[in-house]
Amino acid sequence: MKREAFKMYLKPGCEAEYEKRHAAIWPELKALLSQNGVSDYSIYWDKETNILFAFQKTEGGAGSQDLGNTEIVQKWWDYMADIMEVNPDNSPVSIPLPEVFHMD
């Protein structure tokens, strides 16, 4: 099991919409993540900077940000593109964060 963390950027004024969309995350997207070894996935919001901090556990070497070749993830990216900073393919700007400390 690998632990991964990364940050993304939420556009100002889109906080409530971001929470609303994730509260109703598509079941087929959740299933895809689980089937690909993603678990214990959390996203935190820093209200002062609008930075989203994400943490997940992965098995098999691929995390949520590595599933962009699937139709459902591309559809989700398109759905979220209006409220997040995104790349030209609508994938979220996502910056990996190296782990510097962990305690069980």
PDB file of N, CA and C in Angstrom:
ATOM      1  N   MET A   1       0.856  -1.181   0.000  1.00  0.00           N
ATOM      2  CA  MET A   1       0.000   0.000   0.000  1.00  0.00           C
ATOM      3  C   MET A   1       0.896   1.237   0.000  1.00  0.00           C
ATOM      4  N   LYS A   2       0.618   2.149  -0.883  1.00  0.00           N
ATOM      5  CA  LYS A   2       1.367   3.393  -0.999  1.00  0.00           C
ATOM      6  C   LYS A   2       0.459   4.552  -0.588  1.00  0.00           C
ATOM      7  N   ARG A   3       1.020   5.544   0.082  1.00  0.00           N
ATOM      8  CA  ARG A   3       0.297   6.759   0.438  1.00  0.00           C
ATOM      9  C   ARG A   3       0.714   7.857  -0.531  1.00  0.00           C
ATOM     10  N   GLU A   4      -0.253   8.589  -1.053  1.00  0.00           N
ATOM     11  CA  GLU A   4       0.041   9.684  -1.977  1.00  0.00           C
ATOM     12  C   GLU A   4      -0.681  10.945  -1.533  1.00  0.00           C
ATOM     13  N   ALA A   5      -0.033  12.068  -1.742  1.00  0.00           N
ATOM     14  CA  ALA A   5      -0.655  13.360  -1.455  1.00  0.00           C
ATOM     15  C   ALA A   5      -0.359  14.299  -2.617  1.00  0.00           C
ATOM     16  N   PHE A   6      -1.298  15.187  -2.873  1.00  0.00           N
ATOM     17  CA  PHE A   6      -1.098  16.177  -3.928  1.00  0.00           C
ATOM     18  C   PHE A   6      -1.986  17.375  -3.643  1.00  0.00           C
ATOM     19  N   LYS A   7      -1.684  18.481  -4.309  1.00  0.00           N
ATOM     20  CA  LYS A   7      -2.516  19.669  -4.148  1.00  0.00           C
ATOM     21  C   LYS A   7      -3.097  20.069  -5.491  1.00  0.00           C
ATOM     22  N   MET A   8      -4.260  20.699  -5.410  1.00  0.00           N
ATOM     23  CA  MET A   8      -4.966  21.218  -6.576  1.00  0.00           C
ATOM     24  C   MET A   8      -5.466  22.609  -6.196  1.00  0.00           C
ATOM     25  N   TYR A   9      -6.010  23.315  -7.173  1.00  0.00           N
ATOM     26  CA  TYR A   9      -6.408  24.696  -6.940  1.00  0.00           C
ATOM     27  C   TYR A   9      -7.882  24.907  -7.272  1.00  0.00           C
ATOM     28  N   LEU A  10      -8.609  25.429  -6.311  1.00  0.00           N
ATOM     29  CA  LEU A  10     -10.024  25.741  -6.462  1.00  0.00           C
ATOM     30  C   LEU A  10     -10.167  27.218  -6.831  1.00  0.00           C
ATOM     31  N   LYS A  11     -11.019  27.507  -7.806  1.00  0.00           N
ATOM     32  CA  LYS A  11     -11.237  28.898  -8.198  1.00  0.00           C
ATOM     33  C   LYS A  11     -12.027  29.619  -7.096  1.00  0.00           C
ATOM     34  N   PRO A  12     -11.676  30.875  -6.823  1.00  0.00           N
ATOM     35  CA  PRO A  12     -12.398  31.644  -5.796  1.00  0.00           C
ATOM     36  C   PRO A  12     -13.891  31.707  -6.100  1.00  0.00           C
ATOM     37  N   GLY A  13     -14.685  31.578  -5.044  1.00  0.00           N
ATOM     38  CA  GLY A  13     -16.134  31.645  -5.171  1.00  0.00           C
ATOM     39  C   GLY A  13     -16.787  30.323  -5.541  1.00  0.00           C
ATOM     40  N   CYS A  14     -15.991  29.275  -5.721  1.00  0.00           N
ATOM     41  CA  CYS A  14     -16.524  27.976  -6.156  1.00  0.00           C
ATOM     42  C   CYS A  14     -16.537  26.930  -5.044  1.00  0.00           C
ATOM     43  N   GLU A  15     -16.299  27.368  -3.835  1.00  0.00           N
ATOM     44  CA  GLU A  15     -16.168  26.436  -2.718  1.00  0.00           C
ATOM     45  C   GLU A  15     -17.438  25.607  -2.492  1.00  0.00           C
ATOM     46  N   ALA A  16     -18.573  26.258  -2.431  1.00  0.00           N
ATOM     47  CA  ALA A  16     -19.835  25.547  -2.174  1.00  0.00           C
ATOM     48  C   ALA A  16     -20.155  24.584  -3.313  1.00  0.00           C
ATOM     49  N   GLU A  17     -19.900  24.992  -4.529  1.00  0.00           N
ATOM     50  CA  GLU A  17     -20.174  24.125  -5.675  1.00  0.00           C
ATOM     51  C   GLU A  17     -19.256  22.905  -5.678  1.00  0.00           C
ATOM     52  N   TYR A  18     -18.003  23.113  -5.296  1.00  0.00           N
ATOM     53  CA  TYR A  18     -17.055  21.991  -5.224  1.00  0.00           C
ATOM     54  C   TYR A  18     -17.553  20.957  -4.206  1.00  0.00           C
ATOM     55  N   GLU A  19     -17.941  21.427  -3.040  1.00  0.00           N
ATOM     56  CA  GLU A  19     -18.449  20.516  -2.009  1.00  0.00           C
ATOM     57  C   GLU A  19     -19.727  19.819  -2.469  1.00  0.00           C
ATOM     58  N   LYS A  20     -20.611  20.551  -3.114  1.00  0.00           N
ATOM     59  CA  LYS A  20     -21.869  19.985  -3.610  1.00  0.00           C
ATOM     60  C   LYS A  20     -21.609  18.856  -4.613  1.00  0.00           C
ATOM     61  N   ARG A  21     -20.706  19.107  -5.542  1.00  0.00           N
ATOM     62  CA  ARG A  21     -20.416  18.091  -6.566  1.00  0.00           C
ATOM     63  C   ARG A  21     -19.769  16.844  -5.956  1.00  0.00           C
ATOM     64  N   HIS A  22     -18.913  17.028  -4.982  1.00  0.00           N
ATOM     65  CA  HIS A  22     -18.274  15.866  -4.363  1.00  0.00           C
ATOM     66  C   HIS A  22     -19.216  15.127  -3.414  1.00  0.00           C
ATOM     67  N   ALA A  23     -20.174  15.823  -2.854  1.00  0.00           N
ATOM     68  CA  ALA A  23     -21.171  15.149  -2.011  1.00  0.00           C
ATOM     69  C   ALA A  23     -22.032  14.207  -2.843  1.00  0.00           C
ATOM     70  N   ALA A  24     -22.101  14.472  -4.143  1.00  0.00           N
ATOM     71  CA  ALA A  24     -22.895  13.640  -5.050  1.00  0.00           C
ATOM     72  C   ALA A  24     -21.986  12.979  -6.093  1.00  0.00           C
ATOM     73  N   ILE A  25     -20.791  12.588  -5.660  1.00  0.00           N
ATOM     74  CA  ILE A  25     -19.841  11.974  -6.598  1.00  0.00           C
ATOM     75  C   ILE A  25     -20.489  10.773  -7.282  1.00  0.00           C
ATOM     76  N   TRP A  26     -20.212  10.610  -8.542  1.00  0.00           N
ATOM     77  CA  TRP A  26     -20.856   9.568  -9.333  1.00  0.00           C
ATOM     78  C   TRP A  26     -20.447   8.182  -8.837  1.00  0.00           C
ATOM     79  N   PRO A  27     -21.400   7.292  -8.637  1.00  0.00           N
ATOM     80  CA  PRO A  27     -21.087   5.931  -8.170  1.00  0.00           C
ATOM     81  C   PRO A  27     -20.119   5.207  -9.105  1.00  0.00           C
ATOM     82  N   GLU A  28     -20.237   5.423 -10.410  1.00  0.00           N
ATOM     83  CA  GLU A  28     -19.341   4.745 -11.341  1.00  0.00           C
ATOM     84  C   GLU A  28     -17.906   5.254 -11.220  1.00  0.00           C
ATOM     85  N   LEU A  29     -17.723   6.514 -10.809  1.00  0.00           N
ATOM     86  CA  LEU A  29     -16.384   7.043 -10.578  1.00  0.00           C
ATOM     87  C   LEU A  29     -15.789   6.439  -9.307  1.00  0.00           C
ATOM     88  N   LYS A  30     -16.596   6.376  -8.248  1.00  0.00           N
ATOM     89  CA  LYS A  30     -16.128   5.736  -7.012  1.00  0.00           C
ATOM     90  C   LYS A  30     -15.749   4.283  -7.259  1.00  0.00           C
ATOM     91  N   ALA A  31     -16.553   3.583  -8.032  1.00  0.00           N
ATOM     92  CA  ALA A  31     -16.277   2.176  -8.340  1.00  0.00           C
ATOM     93  C   ALA A  31     -14.971   2.049  -9.115  1.00  0.00           C
ATOM     94  N   LEU A  32     -14.758   2.922 -10.095  1.00  0.00           N
ATOM     95  CA  LEU A  32     -13.525   2.886 -10.887  1.00  0.00           C
ATOM     96  C   LEU A  32     -12.306   3.099  -9.996  1.00  0.00           C
ATOM     97  N   LEU A  33     -12.386   4.079  -9.109  1.00  0.00           N
ATOM     98  CA  LEU A  33     -11.272   4.334  -8.193  1.00  0.00           C
ATOM     99  C   LEU A  33     -10.984   3.109  -7.334  1.00  0.00           C
ATOM    100  N   SER A  34     -12.015   2.550  -6.744  1.00  0.00           N
ATOM    101  CA  SER A  34     -11.847   1.361  -5.893  1.00  0.00           C
ATOM    102  C   SER A  34     -11.275   0.191  -6.671  1.00  0.00           C
ATOM    103  N   GLN A  35     -11.798  -0.037  -7.872  1.00  0.00           N
ATOM    104  CA  GLN A  35     -11.335  -1.153  -8.700  1.00  0.00           C
ATOM    105  C   GLN A  35      -9.871  -0.997  -9.104  1.00  0.00           C
ATOM    106  N   ASN A  36      -9.376   0.219  -9.089  1.00  0.00           N
ATOM    107  CA  ASN A  36      -7.991   0.480  -9.463  1.00  0.00           C
ATOM    108  C   ASN A  36      -7.086   0.694  -8.248  1.00  0.00           C
ATOM    109  N   GLY A  37      -7.560   0.302  -7.078  1.00  0.00           N
ATOM    110  CA  GLY A  37      -6.714   0.295  -5.895  1.00  0.00           C
ATOM    111  C   GLY A  37      -6.646   1.588  -5.107  1.00  0.00           C
ATOM    112  N   VAL A  38      -7.523   2.541  -5.392  1.00  0.00           N
ATOM    113  CA  VAL A  38      -7.536   3.795  -4.643  1.00  0.00           C
ATOM    114  C   VAL A  38      -8.473   3.639  -3.451  1.00  0.00           C
ATOM    115  N   SER A  39      -7.961   3.957  -2.260  1.00  0.00           N
ATOM    116  CA  SER A  39      -8.781   3.868  -1.049  1.00  0.00           C
ATOM    117  C   SER A  39      -8.384   4.993  -0.095  1.00  0.00           C
ATOM    118  N   ASP A  40      -9.159   5.129   0.964  1.00  0.00           N
ATOM    119  CA  ASP A  40      -8.870   6.115   2.007  1.00  0.00           C
ATOM    120  C   ASP A  40      -8.553   7.472   1.379  1.00  0.00           C
ATOM    121  N   TYR A  41      -9.407   7.910   0.453  1.00  0.00           N
ATOM    122  CA  TYR A  41      -9.199   9.126  -0.336  1.00  0.00           C
ATOM    123  C   TYR A  41      -9.920  10.286   0.336  1.00  0.00           C
ATOM    124  N   SER A  42      -9.168  11.309   0.689  1.00  0.00           N
ATOM    125  CA  SER A  42      -9.728  12.510   1.312  1.00  0.00           C
ATOM    126  C   SER A  42      -9.198  13.742   0.604  1.00  0.00           C
ATOM    127  N   ILE A  43     -10.022  14.776   0.557  1.00  0.00           N
ATOM    128  CA  ILE A  43      -9.598  16.071   0.023  1.00  0.00           C
ATOM    129  C   ILE A  43      -9.926  17.124   1.082  1.00  0.00           C
ATOM    130  N   TYR A  44      -8.943  17.944   1.395  1.00  0.00           N
ATOM    131  CA  TYR A  44      -9.093  19.012   2.382  1.00  0.00           C
ATOM    132  C   TYR A  44      -8.967  20.355   1.679  1.00  0.00           C
ATOM    133  N   TRP A  45      -9.657  21.354   2.206  1.00  0.00           N
ATOM    134  CA  TRP A  45      -9.664  22.678   1.606  1.00  0.00           C
ATOM    135  C   TRP A  45      -9.035  23.691   2.548  1.00  0.00           C
ATOM    136  N   ASP A  46      -8.002  24.381   2.084  1.00  0.00           N
ATOM    137  CA  ASP A  46      -7.398  25.482   2.827  1.00  0.00           C
ATOM    138  C   ASP A  46      -8.134  26.760   2.420  1.00  0.00           C
ATOM    139  N   LYS A  47      -8.973  27.254   3.292  1.00  0.00           N
ATOM    140  CA  LYS A  47      -9.831  28.407   2.992  1.00  0.00           C
ATOM    141  C   LYS A  47      -9.040  29.670   2.700  1.00  0.00           C
ATOM    142  N   GLU A  48      -7.854  29.805   3.275  1.00  0.00           N
ATOM    143  CA  GLU A  48      -7.061  31.020   3.072  1.00  0.00           C
ATOM    144  C   GLU A  48      -6.446  31.085   1.681  1.00  0.00           C
ATOM    145  N   THR A  49      -6.121  29.938   1.098  1.00  0.00           N
ATOM    146  CA  THR A  49      -5.408  29.926  -0.185  1.00  0.00           C
ATOM    147  C   THR A  49      -6.211  29.310  -1.328  1.00  0.00           C
ATOM    148  N   ASN A  50      -7.332  28.665  -1.005  1.00  0.00           N
ATOM    149  CA  ASN A  50      -8.132  27.906  -1.973  1.00  0.00           C
ATOM    150  C   ASN A  50      -7.353  26.732  -2.564  1.00  0.00           C
ATOM    151  N   ILE A  51      -6.371  26.269  -1.820  1.00  0.00           N
ATOM    152  CA  ILE A  51      -5.643  25.065  -2.224  1.00  0.00           C
ATOM    153  C   ILE A  51      -6.378  23.861  -1.663  1.00  0.00           C
ATOM    154  N   LEU A  52      -6.543  22.873  -2.504  1.00  0.00           N
ATOM    155  CA  LEU A  52      -7.113  21.593  -2.097  1.00  0.00           C
ATOM    156  C   LEU A  52      -5.966  20.624  -1.855  1.00  0.00           C
ATOM    157  N   PHE A  53      -5.953  19.997  -0.699  1.00  0.00           N
ATOM    158  CA  PHE A  53      -4.937  19.009  -0.353  1.00  0.00           C
ATOM    159  C   PHE A  53      -5.598  17.645  -0.393  1.00  0.00           C
ATOM    160  N   ALA A  54      -5.084  16.756  -1.206  1.00  0.00           N
ATOM    161  CA  ALA A  54      -5.668  15.423  -1.352  1.00  0.00           C
ATOM    162  C   ALA A  54      -4.713  14.368  -0.823  1.00  0.00           C
ATOM    163  N   PHE A  55      -5.289  13.355  -0.206  1.00  0.00           N
ATOM    164  CA  PHE A  55      -4.534  12.207   0.294  1.00  0.00           C
ATOM    165  C   PHE A  55      -5.284  10.945  -0.096  1.00  0.00           C
ATOM    166  N   GLN A  56      -4.531   9.922  -0.511  1.00  0.00           N
ATOM    167  CA  GLN A  56      -5.144   8.643  -0.850  1.00  0.00           C
ATOM    168  C   GLN A  56      -4.128   7.524  -0.661  1.00  0.00           C
ATOM    169  N   LYS A  57      -4.654   6.350  -0.457  1.00  0.00           N
ATOM    170  CA  LYS A  57      -3.823   5.148  -0.439  1.00  0.00           C
ATOM    171  C   LYS A  57      -4.052   4.432  -1.764  1.00  0.00           C
ATOM    172  N   THR A  58      -2.981   3.861  -2.296  1.00  0.00           N
ATOM    173  CA  THR A  58      -3.096   3.176  -3.580  1.00  0.00           C
ATOM    174  C   THR A  58      -2.399   1.822  -3.532  1.00  0.00           C
ATOM    175  N   GLU A  59      -2.929   0.933  -4.322  1.00  0.00           N
ATOM    176  CA  GLU A  59      -2.301  -0.373  -4.549  1.00  0.00           C
ATOM    177  C   GLU A  59      -2.147  -0.520  -6.046  1.00  0.00           C
ATOM    178  N   GLY A  60      -1.045  -1.094  -6.478  1.00  0.00           N
ATOM    179  CA  GLY A  60      -0.859  -1.325  -7.898  1.00  0.00           C
ATOM    180  C   GLY A  60      -0.161  -0.198  -8.631  1.00  0.00           C
ATOM    181  N   GLY A  61       0.244   0.833  -7.940  1.00  0.00           N
ATOM    182  CA  GLY A  61       1.046   1.871  -8.555  1.00  0.00           C
ATOM    183  C   GLY A  61       0.309   3.016  -9.228  1.00  0.00           C
ATOM    184  N   ALA A  62      -1.010   2.960  -9.351  1.00  0.00           N
ATOM    185  CA  ALA A  62      -1.755   4.040 -10.006  1.00  0.00           C
ATOM    186  C   ALA A  62      -2.707   4.694  -9.015  1.00  0.00           C
ATOM    187  N   GLY A  63      -2.653   6.023  -8.962  1.00  0.00           N
ATOM    188  CA  GLY A  63      -3.580   6.762  -8.128  1.00  0.00           C
ATOM    189  C   GLY A  63      -4.682   7.375  -8.961  1.00  0.00           C
ATOM    190  N   SER A  64      -5.521   8.156  -8.330  1.00  0.00           N
ATOM    191  CA  SER A  64      -6.665   8.755  -9.015  1.00  0.00           C
ATOM    192  C   SER A  64      -6.239   9.629 -10.190  1.00  0.00           C
ATOM    193  N   GLN A  65      -5.102  10.296 -10.063  1.00  0.00           N
ATOM    194  CA  GLN A  65      -4.647  11.194 -11.112  1.00  0.00           C
ATOM    195  C   GLN A  65      -4.051  10.449 -12.310  1.00  0.00           C
ATOM    196  N   ASP A  66      -3.918   9.136 -12.188  1.00  0.00           N
ATOM    197  CA  ASP A  66      -3.362   8.321 -13.271  1.00  0.00           C
ATOM    198  C   ASP A  66      -4.436   7.644 -14.113  1.00  0.00           C
ATOM    199  N   LEU A  67      -5.694   7.926 -13.861  1.00  0.00           N
ATOM    200  CA  LEU A  67      -6.790   7.248 -14.555  1.00  0.00           C
ATOM    201  C   LEU A  67      -7.426   8.113 -15.642  1.00  0.00           C
ATOM    202  N   GLY A  68      -6.708   9.109 -16.105  1.00  0.00           N
ATOM    203  CA  GLY A  68      -7.231  10.039 -17.094  1.00  0.00           C
ATOM    204  C   GLY A  68      -7.499   9.455 -18.464  1.00  0.00           C
ATOM    205  N   ASN A  69      -7.084   8.233 -18.691  1.00  0.00           N
ATOM    206  CA  ASN A  69      -7.356   7.594 -19.980  1.00  0.00           C
ATOM    207  C   ASN A  69      -8.726   6.929 -20.015  1.00  0.00           C
ATOM    208  N   THR A  70      -9.462   6.998 -18.901  1.00  0.00           N
ATOM    209  CA  THR A  70     -10.789   6.379 -18.856  1.00  0.00           C
ATOM    210  C   THR A  70     -11.862   7.414 -19.169  1.00  0.00           C
ATOM    211  N   GLU A  71     -12.935   6.955 -19.787  1.00  0.00           N
ATOM    212  CA  GLU A  71     -14.015   7.854 -20.197  1.00  0.00           C
ATOM    213  C   GLU A  71     -14.660   8.551 -18.997  1.00  0.00           C
ATOM    214  N   ILE A  72     -14.884   7.820 -17.919  1.00  0.00           N
ATOM    215  CA  ILE A  72     -15.567   8.408 -16.765  1.00  0.00           C
ATOM    216  C   ILE A  72     -14.719   9.489 -16.102  1.00  0.00           C
ATOM    217  N   VAL A  73     -13.402   9.284 -16.021  1.00  0.00           N
ATOM    218  CA  VAL A  73     -12.533  10.306 -15.425  1.00  0.00           C
ATOM    219  C   VAL A  73     -12.475  11.535 -16.330  1.00  0.00           C
ATOM    220  N   GLN A  74     -12.393  11.348 -17.630  1.00  0.00           N
ATOM    221  CA  GLN A  74     -12.404  12.494 -18.546  1.00  0.00           C
ATOM    222  C   GLN A  74     -13.710  13.272 -18.427  1.00  0.00           C
ATOM    223  N   LYS A  75     -14.811  12.561 -18.261  1.00  0.00           N
ATOM    224  CA  LYS A  75     -16.114  13.207 -18.089  1.00  0.00           C
ATOM    225  C   LYS A  75     -16.142  14.007 -16.773  1.00  0.00           C
ATOM    226  N   TRP A  76     -15.580  13.420 -15.698  1.00  0.00           N
ATOM    227  CA  TRP A  76     -15.507  14.120 -14.407  1.00  0.00           C
ATOM    228  C   TRP A  76     -14.638  15.361 -14.531  1.00  0.00           C
ATOM    229  N   TRP A  77     -13.495  15.244 -15.188  1.00  0.00           N
ATOM    230  CA  TRP A  77     -12.624  16.406 -15.373  1.00  0.00           C
ATOM    231  C   TRP A  77     -13.363  17.522 -16.099  1.00  0.00           C
ATOM    232  N   ASP A  78     -14.091  17.176 -17.149  1.00  0.00           N
ATOM    233  CA  ASP A  78     -14.862  18.178 -17.888  1.00  0.00           C
ATOM    234  C   ASP A  78     -15.906  18.841 -16.982  1.00  0.00           C
ATOM    235  N   TYR A  79     -16.541  18.035 -16.140  1.00  0.00           N
ATOM    236  CA  TYR A  79     -17.564  18.517 -15.210  1.00  0.00           C
ATOM    237  C   TYR A  79     -16.986  19.490 -14.181  1.00  0.00           C
ATOM    238  N   MET A  80     -15.742  19.253 -13.770  1.00  0.00           N
ATOM    239  CA  MET A  80     -15.118  20.066 -12.730  1.00  0.00           C
ATOM    240  C   MET A  80     -14.303  21.239 -13.270  1.00  0.00           C
ATOM    241  N   ALA A  81     -14.082  21.290 -14.572  1.00  0.00           N
ATOM    242  CA  ALA A  81     -13.166  22.272 -15.167  1.00  0.00           C
ATOM    243  C   ALA A  81     -13.563  23.719 -14.921  1.00  0.00           C
ATOM    244  N   ASP A  82     -14.837  23.987 -14.756  1.00  0.00           N
ATOM    245  CA  ASP A  82     -15.256  25.381 -14.569  1.00  0.00           C
ATOM    246  C   ASP A  82     -14.986  25.914 -13.167  1.00  0.00           C
ATOM    247  N   ILE A  83     -14.648  25.043 -12.223  1.00  0.00           N
ATOM    248  CA  ILE A  83     -14.450  25.516 -10.844  1.00  0.00           C
ATOM    249  C   ILE A  83     -13.043  25.257 -10.300  1.00  0.00           C
ATOM    250  N   MET A  84     -12.181  24.669 -11.128  1.00  0.00           N
ATOM    251  CA  MET A  84     -10.810  24.372 -10.696  1.00  0.00           C
ATOM    252  C   MET A  84      -9.820  24.861 -11.737  1.00  0.00           C
ATOM    253  N   GLU A  85      -8.576  25.046 -11.318  1.00  0.00           N
ATOM    254  CA  GLU A  85      -7.520  25.307 -12.288  1.00  0.00           C
ATOM    255  C   GLU A  85      -7.214  23.987 -12.978  1.00  0.00           C
ATOM    256  N   VAL A  86      -7.218  24.009 -14.320  1.00  0.00           N
ATOM    257  CA  VAL A  86      -7.047  22.782 -15.090  1.00  0.00           C
ATOM    258  C   VAL A  86      -5.990  22.957 -16.179  1.00  0.00           C
ATOM    259  N   ASN A  87      -5.515  21.822 -16.662  1.00  0.00           N
ATOM    260  CA  ASN A  87      -4.604  21.750 -17.795  1.00  0.00           C
ATOM    261  C   ASN A  87      -5.419  21.800 -19.086  1.00  0.00           C
ATOM    262  N   PRO A  88      -4.768  21.909 -20.246  1.00  0.00           N
ATOM    263  CA  PRO A  88      -5.509  21.971 -21.518  1.00  0.00           C
ATOM    264  C   PRO A  88      -6.469  20.796 -21.750  1.00  0.00           C
ATOM    265  N   ASP A  89      -6.194  19.621 -21.185  1.00  0.00           N
ATOM    266  CA  ASP A  89      -7.098  18.469 -21.357  1.00  0.00           C
ATOM    267  C   ASP A  89      -8.184  18.410 -20.285  1.00  0.00           C
ATOM    268  N   ASN A  90      -8.307  19.468 -19.499  1.00  0.00           N
ATOM    269  CA  ASN A  90      -9.262  19.603 -18.388  1.00  0.00           C
ATOM    270  C   ASN A  90      -8.887  18.783 -17.156  1.00  0.00           C
ATOM    271  N   SER A  91      -7.749  18.104 -17.160  1.00  0.00           N
ATOM    272  CA  SER A  91      -7.298  17.446 -15.933  1.00  0.00           C
ATOM    273  C   SER A  91      -6.952  18.540 -14.930  1.00  0.00           C
ATOM    274  N   PRO A  92      -7.194  18.285 -13.645  1.00  0.00           N
ATOM    275  CA  PRO A  92      -6.872  19.319 -12.664  1.00  0.00           C
ATOM    276  C   PRO A  92      -5.362  19.538 -12.584  1.00  0.00           C
ATOM    277  N   VAL A  93      -4.973  20.799 -12.414  1.00  0.00           N
ATOM    278  CA  VAL A  93      -3.569  21.062 -12.115  1.00  0.00           C
ATOM    279  C   VAL A  93      -3.321  20.383 -10.773  1.00  0.00           C
ATOM    280  N   SER A  94      -2.460  19.404 -10.778  1.00  0.00           N
ATOM    281  CA  SER A  94      -2.232  18.554  -9.613  1.00  0.00           C
ATOM    282  C   SER A  94      -0.732  18.449  -9.371  1.00  0.00           C
ATOM    283  N   ILE A  95      -0.300  18.850  -8.193  1.00  0.00           N
ATOM    284  CA  ILE A  95       1.118  18.850  -7.871  1.00  0.00           C
ATOM    285  C   ILE A  95       1.384  17.823  -6.781  1.00  0.00           C
ATOM    286  N   PRO A  96       2.169  16.777  -7.101  1.00  0.00           N
ATOM    287  CA  PRO A  96       2.477  15.753  -6.099  1.00  0.00           C
ATOM    288  C   PRO A  96       3.257  16.365  -4.933  1.00  0.00           C
ATOM    289  N   LEU A  97       2.967  15.875  -3.750  1.00  0.00           N
ATOM    290  CA  LEU A  97       3.658  16.326  -2.546  1.00  0.00           C
ATOM    291  C   LEU A  97       4.434  15.154  -1.950  1.00  0.00           C
ATOM    292  N   PRO A  98       5.738  15.262  -1.834  1.00  0.00           N
ATOM    293  CA  PRO A  98       6.524  14.167  -1.273  1.00  0.00           C
ATOM    294  C   PRO A  98       6.259  14.017   0.226  1.00  0.00           C
ATOM    295  N   GLU A  99       6.222  12.787   0.670  1.00  0.00           N
ATOM    296  CA  GLU A  99       6.040  12.527   2.097  1.00  0.00           C
ATOM    297  C   GLU A  99       7.367  12.745   2.806  1.00  0.00           C
ATOM    298  N   VAL A 100       7.348  13.545   3.867  1.00  0.00           N
ATOM    299  CA  VAL A 100       8.562  13.796   4.637  1.00  0.00           C
ATOM    300  C   VAL A 100       8.481  13.239   6.056  1.00  0.00           C
ATOM    301  N   PHE A 101       7.274  12.812   6.468  1.00  0.00           N
ATOM    302  CA  PHE A 101       7.113  12.199   7.778  1.00  0.00           C
ATOM    303  C   PHE A 101       5.825  11.399   7.789  1.00  0.00           C
ATOM    304  N   HIS A 102       5.866  10.265   8.460  1.00  0.00           N
ATOM    305  CA  HIS A 102       4.665   9.446   8.656  1.00  0.00           C
ATOM    306  C   HIS A 102       4.786   8.728   9.986  1.00  0.00           C
ATOM    307  N   MET A 103       3.677   8.665  10.723  1.00  0.00           N
ATOM    308  CA  MET A 103       3.637   7.929  11.977  1.00  0.00           C
ATOM    309  C   MET A 103       2.374   7.097  12.004  1.00  0.00           C
ATOM    310  N   ASP A 104       2.500   5.800  12.217  1.00  0.00           N
ATOM    311  CA  ASP A 104       1.335   4.931  12.376  1.00  0.00           C
ATOM    312  C   ASP A 104       0.772   5.063  13.766  1.00  0.00           C
TER     313      ASP A 104
END
